[in-house]
Amino acid sequence: MGSKVGSEKIGRDNGYLYFVGKDGYVWAAPMKHNKSGRKKKVGSEKISKEAGFMYYVGKDGYVYKAKLKNFRK
């Protein structure tokens, strides 16, 4: 579905949602049922983001990008 962008492997913990922030780094935010967690930066590699693509952390821990279907500038 997507193509691998990052070369850094991110370790994943239960109860966190992983995403690529506006600054280009990977962040972990606690899910609603995780009351004790805090938002934290987990990746040290900066991802350069392009318009029209969605960025996500796959099950294997690497960052991927996928083209958005209905993207308009």
PDB file of N, CA and C in Angstrom:
ATOM      1  N   MET A   1       0.822  -1.189   0.000  1.00  0.00           N
ATOM      2  CA  MET A   1       0.000   0.000   0.000  1.00  0.00           C
ATOM      3  C   MET A   1       0.865   1.252   0.000  1.00  0.00           C
ATOM      4  N   GLY A   2       1.835   1.335   0.893  1.00  0.00           N
ATOM      5  CA  GLY A   2       2.679   2.517   0.979  1.00  0.00           C
ATOM      6  C   GLY A   2       4.119   2.180   0.683  1.00  0.00           C
ATOM      7  N   SER A   3       4.928   3.217   0.566  1.00  0.00           N
ATOM      8  CA  SER A   3       6.361   3.011   0.343  1.00  0.00           C
ATOM      9  C   SER A   3       7.127   3.465   1.579  1.00  0.00           C
ATOM     10  N   LYS A   4       8.188   2.727   1.913  1.00  0.00           N
ATOM     11  CA  LYS A   4       8.972   3.011   3.102  1.00  0.00           C
ATOM     12  C   LYS A   4       9.744   4.307   2.909  1.00  0.00           C
ATOM     13  N   VAL A   5       9.682   5.190   3.914  1.00  0.00           N
ATOM     14  CA  VAL A   5      10.341   6.485   3.848  1.00  0.00           C
ATOM     15  C   VAL A   5      11.520   6.542   4.808  1.00  0.00           C
ATOM     16  N   GLY A   6      11.317   6.112   6.048  1.00  0.00           N
ATOM     17  CA  GLY A   6      12.345   6.225   7.075  1.00  0.00           C
ATOM     18  C   GLY A   6      13.197   4.984   7.189  1.00  0.00           C
ATOM     19  N   SER A   7      14.393   5.176   7.733  1.00  0.00           N
ATOM     20  CA  SER A   7      15.296   4.046   7.946  1.00  0.00           C
ATOM     21  C   SER A   7      15.411   3.681   9.421  1.00  0.00           C
ATOM     22  N   GLU A   8      14.801   4.477  10.297  1.00  0.00           N
ATOM     23  CA  GLU A   8      14.848   4.216  11.731  1.00  0.00           C
ATOM     24  C   GLU A   8      13.669   3.343  12.140  1.00  0.00           C
ATOM     25  N   LYS A   9      13.928   2.324  12.956  1.00  0.00           N
ATOM     26  CA  LYS A   9      12.876   1.443  13.444  1.00  0.00           C
ATOM     27  C   LYS A   9      12.374   1.968  14.782  1.00  0.00           C
ATOM     28  N   ILE A  10      11.057   2.141  14.879  1.00  0.00           N
ATOM     29  CA  ILE A  10      10.419   2.682  16.072  1.00  0.00           C
ATOM     30  C   ILE A  10       9.857   1.528  16.889  1.00  0.00           C
ATOM     31  N   GLY A  11      10.225   1.468  18.164  1.00  0.00           N
ATOM     32  CA  GLY A  11       9.657   0.471  19.068  1.00  0.00           C
ATOM     33  C   GLY A  11       8.277   0.921  19.510  1.00  0.00           C
ATOM     34  N   ARG A  12       7.300   0.023  19.452  1.00  0.00           N
ATOM     35  CA  ARG A  12       5.921   0.390  19.761  1.00  0.00           C
ATOM     36  C   ARG A  12       5.480  -0.214  21.092  1.00  0.00           C
ATOM     37  N   ASP A  13       4.764   0.591  21.879  1.00  0.00           N
ATOM     38  CA  ASP A  13       4.190   0.152  23.150  1.00  0.00           C
ATOM     39  C   ASP A  13       2.679   0.108  23.033  1.00  0.00           C
ATOM     40  N   ASN A  14       2.054  -0.757  23.810  1.00  0.00           N
ATOM     41  CA  ASN A  14       0.593  -0.819  23.831  1.00  0.00           C
ATOM     42  C   ASN A  14       0.033   0.432  24.497  1.00  0.00           C
ATOM     43  N   GLY A  15      -1.110   0.910  23.999  1.00  0.00           N
ATOM     44  CA  GLY A  15      -1.769   2.056  24.603  1.00  0.00           C
ATOM     45  C   GLY A  15      -1.350   3.390  24.018  1.00  0.00           C
ATOM     46  N   TYR A  16      -0.559   3.395  22.942  1.00  0.00           N
ATOM     47  CA  TYR A  16      -0.107   4.638  22.314  1.00  0.00           C
ATOM     48  C   TYR A  16      -0.454   4.657  20.836  1.00  0.00           C
ATOM     49  N   LEU A  17      -0.717   5.849  20.334  1.00  0.00           N
ATOM     50  CA  LEU A  17      -0.970   6.085  18.919  1.00  0.00           C
ATOM     51  C   LEU A  17       0.279   6.767  18.358  1.00  0.00           C
ATOM     52  N   TYR A  18       0.820   6.245  17.273  1.00  0.00           N
ATOM     53  CA  TYR A  18       2.058   6.771  16.687  1.00  0.00           C
ATOM     54  C   TYR A  18       1.750   7.535  15.413  1.00  0.00           C
ATOM     55  N   PHE A  19       2.368   8.720  15.258  1.00  0.00           N
ATOM     56  CA  PHE A  19       2.124   9.553  14.089  1.00  0.00           C
ATOM     57  C   PHE A  19       3.345  10.413  13.799  1.00  0.00           C
ATOM     58  N   VAL A  20       3.411  10.926  12.566  1.00  0.00           N
ATOM     59  CA  VAL A  20       4.465  11.855  12.168  1.00  0.00           C
ATOM     60  C   VAL A  20       3.895  13.252  12.330  1.00  0.00           C
ATOM     61  N   GLY A  21       4.514  14.055  13.200  1.00  0.00           N
ATOM     62  CA  GLY A  21       4.008  15.388  13.508  1.00  0.00           C
ATOM     63  C   GLY A  21       4.349  16.410  12.442  1.00  0.00           C
ATOM     64  N   LYS A  22       3.900  17.633  12.658  1.00  0.00           N
ATOM     65  CA  LYS A  22       4.172  18.728  11.730  1.00  0.00           C
ATOM     66  C   LYS A  22       5.662  19.036  11.632  1.00  0.00           C
ATOM     67  N   ASP A  23       6.393  18.756  12.706  1.00  0.00           N
ATOM     68  CA  ASP A  23       7.832  19.015  12.713  1.00  0.00           C
ATOM     69  C   ASP A  23       8.632  17.941  11.980  1.00  0.00           C
ATOM     70  N   GLY A  24       7.995  16.822  11.594  1.00  0.00           N
ATOM     71  CA  GLY A  24       8.664  15.767  10.844  1.00  0.00           C
ATOM     72  C   GLY A  24       9.182  14.621  11.690  1.00  0.00           C
ATOM     73  N   TYR A  25       9.020  14.682  12.993  1.00  0.00           N
ATOM     74  CA  TYR A  25       9.475  13.612  13.879  1.00  0.00           C
ATOM     75  C   TYR A  25       8.305  12.710  14.263  1.00  0.00           C
ATOM     76  N   VAL A  26       8.614  11.484  14.670  1.00  0.00           N
ATOM     77  CA  VAL A  26       7.581  10.532  15.089  1.00  0.00           C
ATOM     78  C   VAL A  26       7.252  10.787  16.552  1.00  0.00           C
ATOM     79  N   TRP A  27       5.949  10.886  16.833  1.00  0.00           N
ATOM     80  CA  TRP A  27       5.451  11.134  18.177  1.00  0.00           C
ATOM     81  C   TRP A  27       4.556   9.988  18.617  1.00  0.00           C
ATOM     82  N   ALA A  28       4.462   9.785  19.937  1.00  0.00           N
ATOM     83  CA  ALA A  28       3.558   8.804  20.531  1.00  0.00           C
ATOM     84  C   ALA A  28       2.613   9.552  21.460  1.00  0.00           C
ATOM     85  N   ALA A  29       1.319   9.395  21.235  1.00  0.00           N
ATOM     86  CA  ALA A  29       0.298  10.017  22.081  1.00  0.00           C
ATOM     87  C   ALA A  29      -0.515   8.906  22.741  1.00  0.00           C
ATOM     88  N   PRO A  30      -0.843   9.071  24.026  1.00  0.00           N
ATOM     89  CA  PRO A  30      -1.616   8.016  24.700  1.00  0.00           C
ATOM     90  C   PRO A  30      -3.038   7.939  24.177  1.00  0.00           C
ATOM     91  N   MET A  31      -3.551   6.711  24.066  1.00  0.00           N
ATOM     92  CA  MET A  31      -4.947   6.517  23.693  1.00  0.00           C
ATOM     93  C   MET A  31      -5.835   6.856  24.892  1.00  0.00           C
ATOM     94  N   LYS A  32      -7.126   6.947  24.647  1.00  0.00           N
ATOM     95  CA  LYS A  32      -8.052   7.383  25.681  1.00  0.00           C
ATOM     96  C   LYS A  32      -8.034   6.467  26.911  1.00  0.00           C
ATOM     97  N   HIS A  33      -7.863   5.170  26.699  1.00  0.00           N
ATOM     98  CA  HIS A  33      -7.882   4.231  27.831  1.00  0.00           C
ATOM     99  C   HIS A  33      -6.555   4.200  28.592  1.00  0.00           C
ATOM    100  N   ASN A  34      -5.516   4.853  28.076  1.00  0.00           N
ATOM    101  CA  ASN A  34      -4.212   4.924  28.738  1.00  0.00           C
ATOM    102  C   ASN A  34      -4.172   6.207  29.560  1.00  0.00           C
ATOM    103  N   LYS A  35      -4.565   6.151  30.818  1.00  0.00           N
ATOM    104  CA  LYS A  35      -4.691   7.341  31.663  1.00  0.00           C
ATOM    105  C   LYS A  35      -3.341   7.871  32.146  1.00  0.00           C
ATOM    106  N   SER A  36      -2.333   7.017  32.259  1.00  0.00           N
ATOM    107  CA  SER A  36      -1.061   7.442  32.846  1.00  0.00           C
ATOM    108  C   SER A  36      -0.048   7.937  31.820  1.00  0.00           C
ATOM    109  N   GLY A  37      -0.344   7.804  30.536  1.00  0.00           N
ATOM    110  CA  GLY A  37       0.634   8.156  29.519  1.00  0.00           C
ATOM    111  C   GLY A  37       0.686   9.639  29.200  1.00  0.00           C
ATOM    112  N   ARG A  38       1.793  10.071  28.612  1.00  0.00           N
ATOM    113  CA  ARG A  38       1.975  11.447  28.164  1.00  0.00           C
ATOM    114  C   ARG A  38       2.487  11.432  26.733  1.00  0.00           C
ATOM    115  N   LYS A  39       2.241  12.513  26.010  1.00  0.00           N
ATOM    116  CA  LYS A  39       2.729  12.652  24.640  1.00  0.00           C
ATOM    117  C   LYS A  39       4.253  12.779  24.677  1.00  0.00           C
ATOM    118  N   LYS A  40       4.944  12.044  23.766  1.00  0.00           N
ATOM    119  CA  LYS A  40       6.406  12.077  23.766  1.00  0.00           C
ATOM    120  C   LYS A  40       6.940  11.868  22.354  1.00  0.00           C
ATOM    121  N   LYS A  41       8.117  12.445  22.106  1.00  0.00           N
ATOM    122  CA  LYS A  41       8.783  12.256  20.825  1.00  0.00           C
ATOM    123  C   LYS A  41       9.593  10.976  20.911  1.00  0.00           C
ATOM    124  N   VAL A  42       9.389  10.053  19.947  1.00  0.00           N
ATOM    125  CA  VAL A  42      10.058   8.759  20.012  1.00  0.00           C
ATOM    126  C   VAL A  42      11.092   8.564  18.907  1.00  0.00           C
ATOM    127  N   GLY A  43      11.007   9.311  17.838  1.00  0.00           N
ATOM    128  CA  GLY A  43      11.948   9.140  16.738  1.00  0.00           C
ATOM    129  C   GLY A  43      12.972  10.251  16.699  1.00  0.00           C
ATOM    130  N   SER A  44      14.185   9.942  16.259  1.00  0.00           N
ATOM    131  CA  SER A  44      15.225  10.963  16.132  1.00  0.00           C
ATOM    132  C   SER A  44      15.484  11.322  14.670  1.00  0.00           C
ATOM    133  N   GLU A  45      14.869  10.584  13.742  1.00  0.00           N
ATOM    134  CA  GLU A  45      15.038  10.855  12.320  1.00  0.00           C
ATOM    135  C   GLU A  45      13.943  11.803  11.847  1.00  0.00           C
ATOM    136  N   LYS A  46      14.322  12.879  11.135  1.00  0.00           N
ATOM    137  CA  LYS A  46      13.353  13.846  10.626  1.00  0.00           C
ATOM    138  C   LYS A  46      12.879  13.402   9.244  1.00  0.00           C
ATOM    139  N   ILE A  47      11.560  13.330   9.069  1.00  0.00           N
ATOM    140  CA  ILE A  47      10.934  12.929   7.814  1.00  0.00           C
ATOM    141  C   ILE A  47      10.503  14.193   7.078  1.00  0.00           C
ATOM    142  N   SER A  48      10.935  14.344   5.825  1.00  0.00           N
ATOM    143  CA  SER A  48      10.478  15.484   5.038  1.00  0.00           C
ATOM    144  C   SER A  48       9.143  15.108   4.402  1.00  0.00           C
ATOM    145  N   LYS A  49       8.101  15.873   4.738  1.00  0.00           N
ATOM    146  CA  LYS A  49       6.744  15.554   4.308  1.00  0.00           C
ATOM    147  C   LYS A  49       6.401  16.286   3.020  1.00  0.00           C
ATOM    148  N   GLU A  50       5.637  15.613   2.161  1.00  0.00           N
ATOM    149  CA  GLU A  50       5.155  16.185   0.911  1.00  0.00           C
ATOM    150  C   GLU A  50       3.643  16.320   0.974  1.00  0.00           C
ATOM    151  N   ALA A  51       3.107  17.313   0.279  1.00  0.00           N
ATOM    152  CA  ALA A  51       1.657  17.491   0.223  1.00  0.00           C
ATOM    153  C   ALA A  51       1.053  16.369  -0.615  1.00  0.00           C
ATOM    154  N   GLY A  52      -0.112  15.893  -0.205  1.00  0.00           N
ATOM    155  CA  GLY A  52      -0.799  14.845  -0.948  1.00  0.00           C
ATOM    156  C   GLY A  52      -0.462  13.440  -0.485  1.00  0.00           C
ATOM    157  N   PHE A  53       0.303  13.307   0.596  1.00  0.00           N
ATOM    158  CA  PHE A  53       0.662  11.997   1.121  1.00  0.00           C
ATOM    159  C   PHE A  53       0.299  11.903   2.593  1.00  0.00           C
ATOM    160  N   MET A  54      -0.060  10.692   3.028  1.00  0.00           N
ATOM    161  CA  MET A  54      -0.324  10.400   4.418  1.00  0.00           C
ATOM    162  C   MET A  54       0.873   9.619   4.961  1.00  0.00           C
ATOM    163  N   TYR A  55       1.340   9.960   6.140  1.00  0.00           N
ATOM    164  CA  TYR A  55       2.499   9.306   6.739  1.00  0.00           C
ATOM    165  C   TYR A  55       2.060   8.540   7.972  1.00  0.00           C
ATOM    166  N   TYR A  56       2.583   7.325   8.134  1.00  0.00           N
ATOM    167  CA  TYR A  56       2.193   6.495   9.271  1.00  0.00           C
ATOM    168  C   TYR A  56       3.324   5.549   9.633  1.00  0.00           C
ATOM    169  N   VAL A  57       3.246   4.994  10.842  1.00  0.00           N
ATOM    170  CA  VAL A  57       4.210   4.010  11.327  1.00  0.00           C
ATOM    171  C   VAL A  57       3.578   2.644  11.136  1.00  0.00           C
ATOM    172  N   GLY A  58       4.233   1.772  10.361  1.00  0.00           N
ATOM    173  CA  GLY A  58       3.704   0.444  10.078  1.00  0.00           C
ATOM    174  C   GLY A  58       3.887  -0.510  11.242  1.00  0.00           C
ATOM    175  N   LYS A  59       3.356  -1.706  11.080  1.00  0.00           N
ATOM    176  CA  LYS A  59       3.450  -2.720  12.133  1.00  0.00           C
ATOM    177  C   LYS A  59       4.892  -3.139  12.401  1.00  0.00           C
ATOM    178  N   ASP A  60       5.750  -3.029  11.372  1.00  0.00           N
ATOM    179  CA  ASP A  60       7.153  -3.399  11.549  1.00  0.00           C
ATOM    180  C   ASP A  60       7.984  -2.290  12.184  1.00  0.00           C
ATOM    181  N   GLY A  61       7.408  -1.098  12.395  1.00  0.00           N
ATOM    182  CA  GLY A  61       8.098  -0.019  13.094  1.00  0.00           C
ATOM    183  C   GLY A  61       8.738   1.028  12.192  1.00  0.00           C
ATOM    184  N   TYR A  62       8.616   0.908  10.885  1.00  0.00           N
ATOM    185  CA  TYR A  62       9.194   1.888   9.975  1.00  0.00           C
ATOM    186  C   TYR A  62       8.118   2.867   9.503  1.00  0.00           C
ATOM    187  N   VAL A  63       8.567   4.060   9.077  1.00  0.00           N
ATOM    188  CA  VAL A  63       7.636   5.083   8.598  1.00  0.00           C
ATOM    189  C   VAL A  63       7.359   4.852   7.112  1.00  0.00           C
ATOM    190  N   TYR A  64       6.077   4.911   6.746  1.00  0.00           N
ATOM    191  CA  TYR A  64       5.635   4.728   5.368  1.00  0.00           C
ATOM    192  C   TYR A  64       4.839   5.944   4.923  1.00  0.00           C
ATOM    193  N   LYS A  65       4.717   6.100   3.596  1.00  0.00           N
ATOM    194  CA  LYS A  65       3.838   7.136   3.058  1.00  0.00           C
ATOM    195  C   LYS A  65       2.936   6.509   2.010  1.00  0.00           C
ATOM    196  N   ALA A  66       1.703   7.036   1.959  1.00  0.00           N
ATOM    197  CA  ALA A  66       0.714   6.559   0.985  1.00  0.00           C
ATOM    198  C   ALA A  66       0.054   7.778   0.343  1.00  0.00           C
ATOM    199  N   LYS A  67      -0.186   7.678  -0.951  1.00  0.00           N
ATOM    200  CA  LYS A  67      -0.790   8.786  -1.688  1.00  0.00           C
ATOM    201  C   LYS A  67      -2.260   8.909  -1.336  1.00  0.00           C
ATOM    202  N   LEU A  68      -2.719  10.140  -1.092  1.00  0.00           N
ATOM    203  CA  LEU A  68      -4.130  10.397  -0.815  1.00  0.00           C
ATOM    204  C   LEU A  68      -4.897  10.403  -2.127  1.00  0.00           C
ATOM    205  N   LYS A  69      -6.068   9.779  -2.145  1.00  0.00           N
ATOM    206  CA  LYS A  69      -6.848   9.646  -3.379  1.00  0.00           C
ATOM    207  C   LYS A  69      -7.400  10.969  -3.869  1.00  0.00           C
ATOM    208  N   ASN A  70      -8.105  11.692  -3.030  1.00  0.00           N
ATOM    209  CA  ASN A  70      -8.837  12.877  -3.454  1.00  0.00           C
ATOM    210  C   ASN A  70      -8.156  14.166  -3.024  1.00  0.00           C
ATOM    211  N   PHE A  71      -6.847  14.237  -3.124  1.00  0.00           N
ATOM    212  CA  PHE A  71      -6.119  15.426  -2.699  1.00  0.00           C
ATOM    213  C   PHE A  71      -6.150  16.487  -3.791  1.00  0.00           C
ATOM    214  N   ARG A  72      -6.490  17.712  -3.388  1.00  0.00           N
ATOM    215  CA  ARG A  72      -6.458  18.852  -4.319  1.00  0.00           C
ATOM    216  C   ARG A  72      -5.679  19.973  -3.662  1.00  0.00           C
ATOM    217  N   LYS A  73      -4.868  20.664  -4.429  1.00  0.00           N
ATOM    218  CA  LYS A  73      -4.107  21.804  -3.886  1.00  0.00           C
ATOM    219  C   LYS A  73      -4.946  23.028  -3.785  1.00  0.00           C
TER     220      LYS A  73
END
